[in-house]
Protein backbone atom coordinates (compact mmCIF):
# COMPACT_ATOMS: atom_id res chain seq x y z
CA TYR A 1 72.41 105.18 111.70
CA GLN A 2 72.60 102.91 114.75
CA TYR A 3 68.99 101.80 114.29
CA ASP A 4 69.74 100.96 110.66
CA ARG A 5 72.50 98.64 111.89
CA PHE A 6 70.12 97.17 114.49
CA PHE A 7 67.64 96.21 111.75
CA GLN A 8 70.39 94.95 109.49
CA VAL A 9 71.32 92.39 112.14
CA LEU A 10 67.85 91.51 113.40
CA ALA A 11 65.60 91.83 110.38
CA GLU A 12 67.95 90.64 107.66
CA VAL A 13 70.02 88.03 109.49
CA VAL A 14 67.97 86.67 112.39
CA LYS A 15 64.64 86.86 110.61
CA LYS A 16 66.06 85.08 107.57
CA GLN A 17 67.49 82.38 109.82
CA ILE A 18 64.14 81.91 111.58
CA VAL A 19 62.35 81.47 108.27
CA MET A 20 64.92 78.92 107.14
CA GLU A 21 64.66 76.91 110.37
CA GLU A 22 60.85 77.00 110.37
CA THR A 23 60.58 73.79 108.32
CA GLU A 24 64.01 72.24 108.81
CA ASN A 25 64.40 72.57 112.59
CA PRO A 26 61.27 73.74 114.48
CA GLU A 27 63.00 73.63 117.88
CA GLN A 28 65.79 75.90 116.67
CA GLU A 29 63.20 78.17 115.06
CA SER A 30 61.35 78.54 118.38
CA LEU A 31 64.59 79.34 120.20
CA LEU A 32 65.63 81.99 117.67
CA ARG A 33 62.18 83.58 117.73
CA LEU A 34 62.32 83.72 121.54
CA ARG A 35 65.70 85.44 121.36
CA LEU A 36 64.30 87.97 118.91
CA GLN A 37 61.36 88.66 121.22
CA ARG A 38 63.74 89.17 124.14
CA SER A 39 65.82 91.63 122.14
CA MET A 40 62.66 93.67 121.50
CA LEU A 41 61.83 93.67 125.22
CA GLN A 42 65.40 94.25 126.43
CA ARG A 43 65.80 97.47 128.38
CA GLU A 44 68.77 99.79 128.47
CA ARG A 45 70.77 99.60 131.66
CA PHE A 46 69.93 102.99 133.19
CA SER A 47 66.89 104.42 131.42
CA HIS A 48 65.03 101.08 131.22
CA ARG A 49 63.91 101.95 127.71
CA THR A 50 63.29 99.20 125.17
CA PRO A 51 64.63 99.74 121.62
CA LEU A 52 61.10 100.67 120.50
CA MET A 53 60.76 103.14 123.39
CA SER A 54 64.05 104.82 122.45
CA ALA A 55 62.94 105.07 118.83
CA ALA A 56 59.55 106.47 119.88
CA ALA A 57 61.25 109.04 122.15
CA LEU A 58 63.46 110.08 119.25
CA CYS A 59 60.87 110.14 116.45
CA LYS A 60 57.61 110.80 118.37
CA SER A 61 55.50 109.43 115.51
CA ALA A 62 54.15 106.00 114.62
CA ASP A 63 54.47 107.02 110.96
CA ASP A 64 58.24 107.36 111.18
CA ALA A 65 60.10 104.68 109.22
CA ILE A 66 62.25 103.65 112.20
CA VAL A 67 59.22 103.21 114.47
CA LYS A 68 57.33 101.34 111.75
CA ASN A 69 60.25 98.94 111.36
CA PHE A 70 60.27 98.24 115.09
CA LEU A 71 56.52 97.69 115.23
CA GLU A 72 56.50 95.38 112.20
CA LEU A 73 59.45 93.34 113.47
CA ALA A 74 57.95 93.06 116.97
CA GLN A 75 54.59 91.94 115.60
CA TRP A 76 56.24 89.43 113.23
CA SER A 77 58.27 87.93 116.09
CA GLY A 78 55.13 87.35 118.17
CA VAL A 79 55.64 89.97 120.90
CA ASP A 80 52.52 91.01 122.84
CA MET A 81 52.09 94.45 121.24
CA ASP A 82 49.86 95.89 123.96
CA PHE A 83 52.43 94.89 126.57
CA LEU A 84 55.27 96.34 124.49
CA LEU A 85 53.49 99.64 123.88
CA ASN A 86 51.61 100.24 127.13
CA SER A 87 52.96 98.12 129.98
CA ILE A 88 56.73 98.74 129.95
CA SER A 89 57.74 102.13 131.32
CA ASP A 90 61.09 103.86 131.61
CA ASP A 91 62.64 105.58 134.63
CA TYR A 92 60.24 108.51 134.21
CA GLY A 93 57.13 106.32 133.98
CA ASN A 94 56.71 106.89 130.24
CA THR A 95 55.63 104.07 127.91
CA ALA A 96 56.36 103.76 124.20
CA GLN A 97 52.77 104.73 123.42
CA MET A 98 53.11 107.88 125.55
CA TYR A 99 56.15 108.91 123.49
CA LEU A 100 54.24 108.26 120.26
CA ASP A 101 51.23 110.23 121.59
CA LYS A 102 53.55 113.06 122.69
CA THR A 103 52.21 112.80 126.27
CA ALA A 104 55.52 111.77 127.89
CA LYS A 105 56.59 113.71 130.99
CA TYR A 106 59.86 114.03 132.85
CA ASP A 107 58.89 115.71 136.10
CA GLN A 108 59.08 112.60 138.31
CA LEU A 109 61.99 110.18 138.33
CA ASP A 110 61.11 106.69 139.59
CA ARG A 111 62.90 106.35 142.93
CA THR A 112 63.25 102.60 142.51
CA SER A 113 65.09 103.04 139.23
CA GLU A 114 68.73 102.26 138.63
CA LEU A 115 69.24 105.81 137.38
CA TRP A 116 68.15 107.18 140.75
CA THR A 117 70.35 104.69 142.60
CA SER A 118 73.41 105.06 140.38
CA ALA A 119 73.40 108.82 140.83
CA GLY A 120 73.67 108.30 144.59
CA TYR A 121 70.26 109.81 145.37
CA SER A 122 69.09 106.70 147.23
CA LYS A 123 72.25 106.33 149.32
CA ASN A 124 72.78 107.83 152.74
CA ILE A 125 76.32 108.95 152.00
CA GLN A 126 78.38 111.82 153.32
CA ARG A 127 78.60 114.53 150.71
CA VAL A 128 82.23 115.57 150.92
CA TRP A 129 81.70 118.98 149.37
CA LEU A 130 78.93 120.19 147.13
CA GLY A 131 81.03 123.03 145.79
CA PRO A 132 81.56 126.66 146.77
CA THR A 133 79.13 129.51 146.40
CA ILE A 134 80.98 131.94 144.17
CA LEU A 135 79.97 135.58 144.03
CA ASP A 136 79.46 137.06 140.58
CA GLU A 137 82.47 139.36 140.97
CA ASP A 138 84.70 136.32 141.70
CA TRP A 139 83.33 134.22 138.86
CA HIS A 140 85.67 135.54 136.18
CA ALA A 141 88.73 134.89 138.34
CA ASP A 142 87.58 131.33 139.05
CA TRP A 143 87.52 130.58 135.34
CA GLU A 144 90.80 132.35 134.60
CA GLU A 145 92.86 130.27 137.04
CA ASP A 146 94.54 127.06 135.88
CA GLY A 147 93.50 125.22 139.05
CA GLY A 148 97.06 124.04 139.70
CA TRP A 149 97.07 121.85 136.58
CA GLY A 150 99.20 124.29 134.57
CA GLN A 151 102.41 123.08 136.25
CA PHE A 152 102.39 119.84 134.26
CA SER A 153 104.21 119.41 130.95
CA LYS A 154 102.58 120.17 127.63
CA ARG A 155 102.95 118.37 124.28
CA PRO A 156 103.34 121.03 121.57
CA ASP A 157 104.16 118.26 119.09
CA LEU A 158 100.52 117.14 119.33
CA ASP A 159 99.03 120.60 118.76
CA LEU A 160 96.80 121.24 115.77
CA PRO A 161 98.65 122.72 112.80
CA ALA A 162 98.33 126.51 112.71
CA SER A 163 96.67 126.24 109.30
CA HIS A 164 93.95 123.84 110.48
CA GLN A 165 90.40 125.11 110.00
CA LEU A 166 87.29 123.89 111.84
CA SER A 167 85.06 124.69 108.89
CA ASP A 168 82.94 121.53 109.26
CA ILE A 169 82.23 121.88 112.98
CA HIS A 170 79.38 123.86 114.52
CA ILE A 171 80.83 126.23 117.13
CA VAL A 172 78.52 127.94 119.62
CA GLN A 173 79.81 130.71 121.85
CA GLY A 174 78.35 130.46 125.34
CA LEU A 175 75.31 128.53 126.45
CA PRO A 176 72.54 127.89 123.90
CA THR A 177 68.87 127.91 124.79
CA ILE A 178 67.19 124.52 125.22
CA GLU A 179 65.45 125.05 121.87
CA GLU A 180 68.76 125.80 120.15
CA LEU A 181 70.40 122.84 121.89
CA ALA A 182 67.61 120.54 120.67
CA ARG A 183 68.07 121.80 117.12
CA LEU A 184 71.82 121.18 117.25
CA VAL A 185 71.46 117.71 118.76
CA ASN A 186 68.91 116.72 116.13
CA LEU A 187 71.45 117.57 113.44
CA GLN A 188 73.42 114.54 114.73
CA GLU A 189 76.66 116.32 113.99
CA PRO A 190 79.53 117.37 116.28
CA VAL A 191 79.16 120.68 118.08
CA ILE A 192 81.60 122.68 120.20
CA PHE A 193 80.19 124.89 122.97
CA ARG A 194 82.75 127.49 124.02
CA ASN A 195 82.48 128.56 127.69
CA ALA A 196 79.21 126.68 128.18
CA MET A 197 80.28 125.42 131.63
CA LYS A 198 81.14 128.96 132.65
CA ASP A 199 77.71 130.16 131.58
CA LEU A 200 76.14 127.24 133.44
CA LYS A 201 77.71 128.65 136.62
CA VAL A 202 79.65 125.45 137.25
CA PRO A 203 82.33 126.34 139.85
CA ARG A 204 85.48 125.38 138.00
CA SER A 205 87.54 125.29 141.21
CA ILE A 206 85.66 122.13 142.24
CA TRP A 207 88.00 120.32 139.83
CA SER A 208 91.20 122.11 140.86
CA LEU A 209 94.23 119.97 141.62
CA ASP A 210 94.10 120.71 145.35
CA ASN A 211 90.40 119.85 145.61
CA ILE A 212 90.74 116.63 143.60
CA LEU A 213 93.58 115.48 145.86
CA GLU A 214 91.75 116.54 149.03
CA LYS A 215 88.56 114.68 148.13
CA TYR A 216 89.82 111.73 146.12
CA GLY A 217 93.57 111.53 146.74
CA ASP A 218 93.34 108.24 148.64
CA VAL A 219 90.69 106.67 146.38
CA GLU A 220 91.88 103.63 144.44
CA ILE A 221 91.63 104.01 140.67
CA HIS A 222 92.19 101.78 137.66
CA VAL A 223 94.49 103.28 135.00
CA GLY A 224 95.74 101.97 131.68
CA LYS A 225 97.36 103.02 128.42
CA ILE A 226 93.91 102.98 126.84
CA PRO A 227 90.51 103.03 128.59
CA TYR A 228 89.13 99.58 129.46
CA LEU A 229 92.38 98.02 128.29
CA SER A 230 91.69 94.58 129.76
CA THR A 231 88.50 94.35 127.66
CA PHE A 232 90.50 94.75 124.44
CA ALA A 233 93.72 93.04 125.55
CA ALA A 234 93.17 89.92 123.46
CA GLN A 235 93.22 92.07 120.32
CA MET A 236 96.46 93.83 121.20
CA PRO A 237 99.69 92.25 119.95
CA GLY A 238 102.45 92.28 122.54
CA TYR A 239 100.16 93.20 125.39
CA GLU A 240 101.83 92.85 128.78
CA SER A 241 99.24 91.65 131.27
CA GLU A 242 101.24 92.81 134.28
CA GLY A 243 103.16 95.88 135.25
CA THR A 244 103.09 99.12 133.31
CA GLU A 245 100.20 98.94 130.85
CA GLU A 246 97.29 98.64 133.31
CA TYR A 247 97.24 98.70 137.10
CA VAL A 248 95.50 99.93 140.26
CA THR A 249 96.87 102.91 142.15
CA THR A 250 95.55 105.87 144.14
CA MET A 251 94.56 109.20 142.64
CA ARG A 252 97.40 110.89 144.55
CA GLU A 253 100.08 108.45 143.34
CA TYR A 254 98.79 108.67 139.79
CA ILE A 255 98.89 112.48 139.63
CA ASN A 256 102.22 112.67 141.47
CA ASN A 257 103.78 110.80 138.54
CA PHE A 258 102.72 113.42 135.99
CA ARG A 259 105.68 115.14 134.34
CA HIS A 260 106.40 118.80 135.18
CA ASP A 261 107.75 121.48 132.88
CA ASN A 262 110.88 121.87 135.01
CA ASP A 263 111.77 118.24 135.66
CA GLY A 264 114.07 117.96 132.65
CA GLU A 265 112.47 114.80 131.23
CA VAL A 266 112.04 114.48 127.48
CA TYR A 267 108.99 112.85 125.99
CA SER A 268 109.39 109.83 123.74
CA ALA A 269 107.05 109.44 120.80
CA ASP A 270 106.70 105.76 121.74
CA GLU A 271 106.09 106.18 125.47
CA VAL A 272 102.36 106.09 126.19
CA PRO A 273 101.39 107.43 129.64
CA VAL A 274 98.55 105.75 131.53
CA TYR A 275 95.11 107.32 131.59
CA LEU A 276 92.25 107.46 134.09
CA PHE A 277 89.03 107.08 132.12
CA THR A 278 86.26 105.13 133.78
CA SER A 279 82.59 105.01 134.73
CA ASP A 280 83.38 103.07 137.92
CA PHE A 281 84.91 106.13 139.58
CA ALA A 282 81.72 108.18 139.14
CA ASN A 283 79.48 105.31 140.26
CA GLU A 284 81.61 104.62 143.35
CA ASN A 285 81.88 108.34 144.23
CA PRO A 286 78.35 109.59 143.50
CA GLN A 287 79.00 113.03 144.99
CA ILE A 288 80.54 113.78 141.59
CA TYR A 289 77.00 113.85 140.22
CA ASP A 290 76.06 116.49 142.79
CA GLU A 291 79.08 118.60 141.83
CA SER A 292 78.05 118.41 138.18
CA ILE A 293 74.37 119.04 138.79
CA GLN A 294 74.17 122.15 136.59
CA ALA A 295 75.51 120.26 133.60
CA LEU A 296 73.33 117.19 134.24
CA GLU A 297 70.16 119.24 134.63
CA TRP A 298 70.99 121.11 131.43
CA VAL A 299 71.12 117.80 129.55
CA ARG A 300 68.00 116.45 131.26
CA ASN A 301 66.01 119.48 130.11
CA LEU A 302 66.46 118.37 126.53
CA THR A 303 63.41 116.35 125.47
CA GLY A 304 64.29 112.78 124.56
CA ILE A 305 67.62 112.53 126.40
CA GLN A 306 66.70 113.62 129.91
CA TYR A 307 68.47 110.64 131.39
CA VAL A 308 72.22 110.13 131.44
CA THR A 309 73.02 106.49 130.75
CA GLU A 310 76.51 106.63 132.16
CA GLY A 311 78.80 109.18 133.75
CA GLN A 312 82.49 108.83 132.93
CA PHE A 313 85.34 110.65 134.63
CA PHE A 314 88.72 111.27 133.05
CA VAL A 315 92.03 112.71 134.20
CA GLY A 316 95.30 112.44 132.35
CA GLU A 317 98.59 114.13 131.65
CA ALA A 318 99.73 115.27 128.21
CA ALA A 319 99.45 112.60 125.47
CA THR A 320 96.82 110.48 127.23
CA GLY A 321 93.53 109.77 125.53
CA ALA A 322 91.15 107.23 124.05
CA PRO A 323 91.62 105.29 120.81
CA VAL A 324 89.33 105.85 117.84
CA HIS A 325 85.87 104.50 118.68
CA TRP A 326 82.16 105.14 118.24
CA HIS A 327 79.12 105.05 120.56
CA ASN A 328 75.82 106.72 121.32
CA SER A 329 75.36 110.47 121.70
CA ALA A 330 77.57 112.02 124.35
CA PHE A 331 78.28 115.35 125.99
CA ASN A 332 81.89 115.95 127.02
CA PHE A 333 82.63 118.63 129.62
CA LEU A 334 86.20 119.86 129.98
CA SER A 335 87.15 121.63 133.21
CA TYR A 336 90.88 122.16 132.74
CA GLY A 337 93.40 121.53 129.99
CA ARG A 338 92.84 120.76 126.32
CA LYS A 339 91.62 117.77 124.33
CA ARG A 340 92.40 117.23 120.67
CA TRP A 341 89.77 115.33 118.71
CA VAL A 342 89.77 113.49 115.40
CA LEU A 343 86.27 112.95 114.02
CA PHE A 344 85.06 110.71 111.20
CA SER A 345 81.62 110.57 109.60
CA PRO A 346 79.35 107.67 110.72
CA GLU A 347 79.91 105.65 107.56
CA GLU A 348 83.66 105.78 108.27
CA ALA A 349 83.34 104.70 111.92
CA PHE A 350 85.73 102.09 113.24
CA TYR A 351 87.06 100.77 116.55
CA SER A 352 90.75 100.76 117.38
CA VAL A 353 92.88 99.49 120.27
CA LYS A 354 95.85 101.65 119.30
CA SER A 355 96.71 104.37 121.84
CA SER A 356 95.80 107.92 120.87
CA LEU A 357 99.49 108.92 120.97
CA HIS A 358 100.45 106.25 118.45
CA PHE A 359 97.41 107.06 116.33
CA PHE A 360 98.38 110.74 116.12
CA ASN A 361 102.04 110.01 115.44
CA GLU A 362 101.74 106.97 113.15
CA ASP A 363 98.31 106.68 111.53
CA LEU A 364 96.92 110.19 111.19
CA PRO A 365 99.66 111.53 108.88
CA ASP A 366 99.15 108.53 106.59
CA ILE A 367 95.38 108.94 106.64
CA TYR A 368 95.74 112.59 105.65
CA ASP A 369 97.84 111.68 102.60
CA LYS A 370 95.74 108.56 101.88
CA SER A 371 98.64 106.15 102.22
CA HIS A 372 97.41 104.12 105.17
CA ALA A 373 97.72 100.44 104.24
CA ILE A 374 94.80 99.17 106.32
CA PHE A 375 92.27 101.47 104.75
CA ASN A 376 93.71 101.18 101.26
CA ALA A 377 93.21 97.41 101.50
CA THR A 378 89.51 97.94 102.18
CA GLU A 379 89.24 100.70 99.57
CA ARG A 380 88.05 103.17 102.19
CA ASN A 381 88.94 106.83 102.10
CA LEU A 382 88.82 108.47 105.51
CA HIS A 383 88.18 112.15 105.90
CA PRO A 384 89.18 113.18 109.43
CA ILE A 385 88.00 116.51 110.80
């Protein structure tokens, strides 16, 4: 779906513009063609894969329609095809041609790569704690404890209705084999893995409240009512640039402000708590990658997505969350607490800057009964899962 959108922009819009400028404005035509060539050679931030390389890794065949489209567009734009296919390699040393020939390997990560650096492997840093060694007989207890997070207030008003059925979601109990995981990922549909982290032998107590505060309590963090709020601020009516909507604090101060069940405070449906959701925290504290190594290696064993483009870390009290959005494939690991999700099919995807609390309280009921004005105006019917 994302590649279809890529071609819609490049092939239909840019290519048409280049053809039009070819006779009317040769200088502009040359500039546009150069930009098109650069887009074909542009590499992703972490994996250093070009768009063609990503398509080849996904499809593994030069006869696939997506790969054919890339090759035809690259050749039409004037890209050196031998260079594109055989000279550009990703963080594992694989070229696009190697993916198409099915000879790609993942046993050696390039130590000069940004992926290696971003994960902290190239830095001589002090590893605060790589996690406990838990005996098998203690494993069950580790996963039964609430890690100290259970003291904070809940939001029963945001729970799923008792009658709600997850009939359209694949649910897997425990940890699937790599072959089963590959099959599920290739479906390109949402999947829930119950107790997968437990089966991966990830020590849950690493993420307990006491350990988070001990290791990261004094670390400065950026919190806001929605993730990356400053990026979307211009689109938000009434946004207050200072004060309560987005600010810098420490992990300890942030968590100390969480509400407790016994503090007597009542939630307001309009009061949106701030949320810690960022990639900066993981990049600036790379030991987090070490503490998640079982999960990362599990993902890397899946052919085609061995690399992790970005690690994001999130902590929040009840009613925090991200607005409706869409992006590339992602694995979400939950250590403590619960997350409620609303999912739409790809053709219904949209971006929002409205907080998740307001979306659940204001928009979702209207969407369910098909009375939401925004989507009625565009004659779109949304079918949330």
